[in-house]
Amino acid sequence: MFTGLRLVLILLELELHRPAIKLDTNHAQARLQTAQYRAKKRIVRGLWIATGLLMLAFPLTHFIVTLGLFTTFLSFTILDETC
């Protein structure tokens, strides 16, 4: 049985204890398990939460669409693996 706080922590991937992960560099998704990539995902998650709050604060269609497209661009830029 999950408590509300535990469920929120799982949804936000803020688990208090992460087991040590052995990285297999030959695996196709090995880059998704690195600490650097997880840090980038946290930044993007925070960006989307802030953007969502702005969208709720200013419920104008043109503002929401423009902000959503710009945030999508920023998310792809941040998560880009060539940087």
Protein backbone atom coordinates (compact mmCIF):
# COMPACT_ATOMS: atom_id res chain seq x y z
CA MET A 1 0.00 0.00 0.00
CA PHE A 2 1.40 3.36 -1.05
CA THR A 3 0.92 6.46 1.00
CA GLY A 4 0.21 9.75 -0.76
CA LEU A 5 3.72 11.09 -0.13
CA ARG A 6 5.36 7.88 -1.39
CA LEU A 7 3.23 8.00 -4.54
CA VAL A 8 4.23 11.62 -5.18
CA LEU A 9 7.90 10.73 -4.68
CA ILE A 10 7.59 7.86 -7.13
CA LEU A 11 5.81 10.01 -9.70
CA LEU A 12 8.45 12.71 -9.44
CA GLU A 13 11.25 10.13 -9.31
CA LEU A 14 12.56 11.63 -6.08
CA GLU A 15 13.11 8.34 -4.33
CA LEU A 16 15.12 8.74 -1.18
CA HIS A 17 17.20 5.64 -1.78
CA ARG A 18 18.38 4.54 -5.19
CA PRO A 19 20.17 1.23 -5.46
CA ALA A 20 23.55 1.26 -7.12
CA ILE A 21 23.15 0.71 -10.84
CA LYS A 22 25.76 -1.14 -12.82
CA LEU A 23 25.98 0.38 -16.27
CA ASP A 24 26.39 -1.88 -19.24
CA THR A 25 27.99 0.37 -21.84
CA ASN A 26 26.94 -2.01 -24.62
CA HIS A 27 23.26 -1.63 -23.80
CA ALA A 28 21.26 0.57 -26.17
CA GLN A 29 19.80 2.67 -23.36
CA ALA A 30 22.88 2.95 -21.17
CA ARG A 31 22.96 6.74 -21.49
CA LEU A 32 19.48 6.93 -19.90
CA GLN A 33 20.88 5.50 -16.67
CA THR A 34 23.68 8.02 -16.14
CA ALA A 35 23.55 10.60 -13.38
CA GLN A 36 24.05 13.39 -15.92
CA TYR A 37 20.98 12.36 -17.92
CA ARG A 38 18.85 11.98 -14.78
CA ALA A 39 19.90 15.50 -13.74
CA LYS A 40 18.83 16.78 -17.16
CA LYS A 41 15.47 15.05 -16.76
CA ARG A 42 14.98 16.75 -13.39
CA ILE A 43 15.65 20.13 -15.00
CA VAL A 44 13.14 19.40 -17.77
CA ARG A 45 10.55 18.20 -15.25
CA GLY A 46 10.94 21.42 -13.27
CA LEU A 47 10.66 23.45 -16.46
CA TRP A 48 7.41 21.71 -17.41
CA ILE A 49 5.96 22.15 -13.91
CA ALA A 50 6.74 25.87 -13.99
CA THR A 51 5.32 26.14 -17.50
CA GLY A 52 2.17 24.32 -16.45
CA LEU A 53 1.69 26.73 -13.57
CA LEU A 54 2.10 29.67 -15.95
CA MET A 55 -0.47 28.11 -18.27
CA LEU A 56 -2.90 27.79 -15.38
CA ALA A 57 -2.23 31.37 -14.32
CA PHE A 58 -2.81 32.79 -17.81
CA PRO A 59 -5.43 30.61 -19.56
CA LEU A 60 -5.16 32.29 -22.98
CA THR A 61 -5.08 29.93 -25.95
CA HIS A 62 -2.36 31.74 -27.88
CA PHE A 63 -0.22 32.02 -24.74
CA ILE A 64 -0.60 28.32 -23.91
CA VAL A 65 0.22 27.16 -27.45
CA THR A 66 3.24 29.46 -27.77
CA LEU A 67 4.57 28.57 -24.33
CA GLY A 68 3.99 24.85 -24.93
CA LEU A 69 5.88 24.87 -28.22
CA PHE A 70 8.74 26.89 -26.75
CA THR A 71 8.98 24.58 -23.72
CA THR A 72 9.02 21.55 -26.01
CA PHE A 73 11.92 23.10 -27.94
CA LEU A 74 13.80 23.81 -24.69
CA SER A 75 13.16 20.26 -23.44
CA PHE A 76 14.60 18.70 -26.59
CA THR A 77 17.55 21.10 -26.43
CA ILE A 78 18.33 20.24 -22.81
CA LEU A 79 17.99 16.47 -23.33
CA ASP A 80 20.00 16.47 -26.56
CA GLU A 81 22.81 13.93 -26.23
CA THR A 82 25.20 15.70 -28.60
CA CYS A 83 25.85 18.52 -26.11
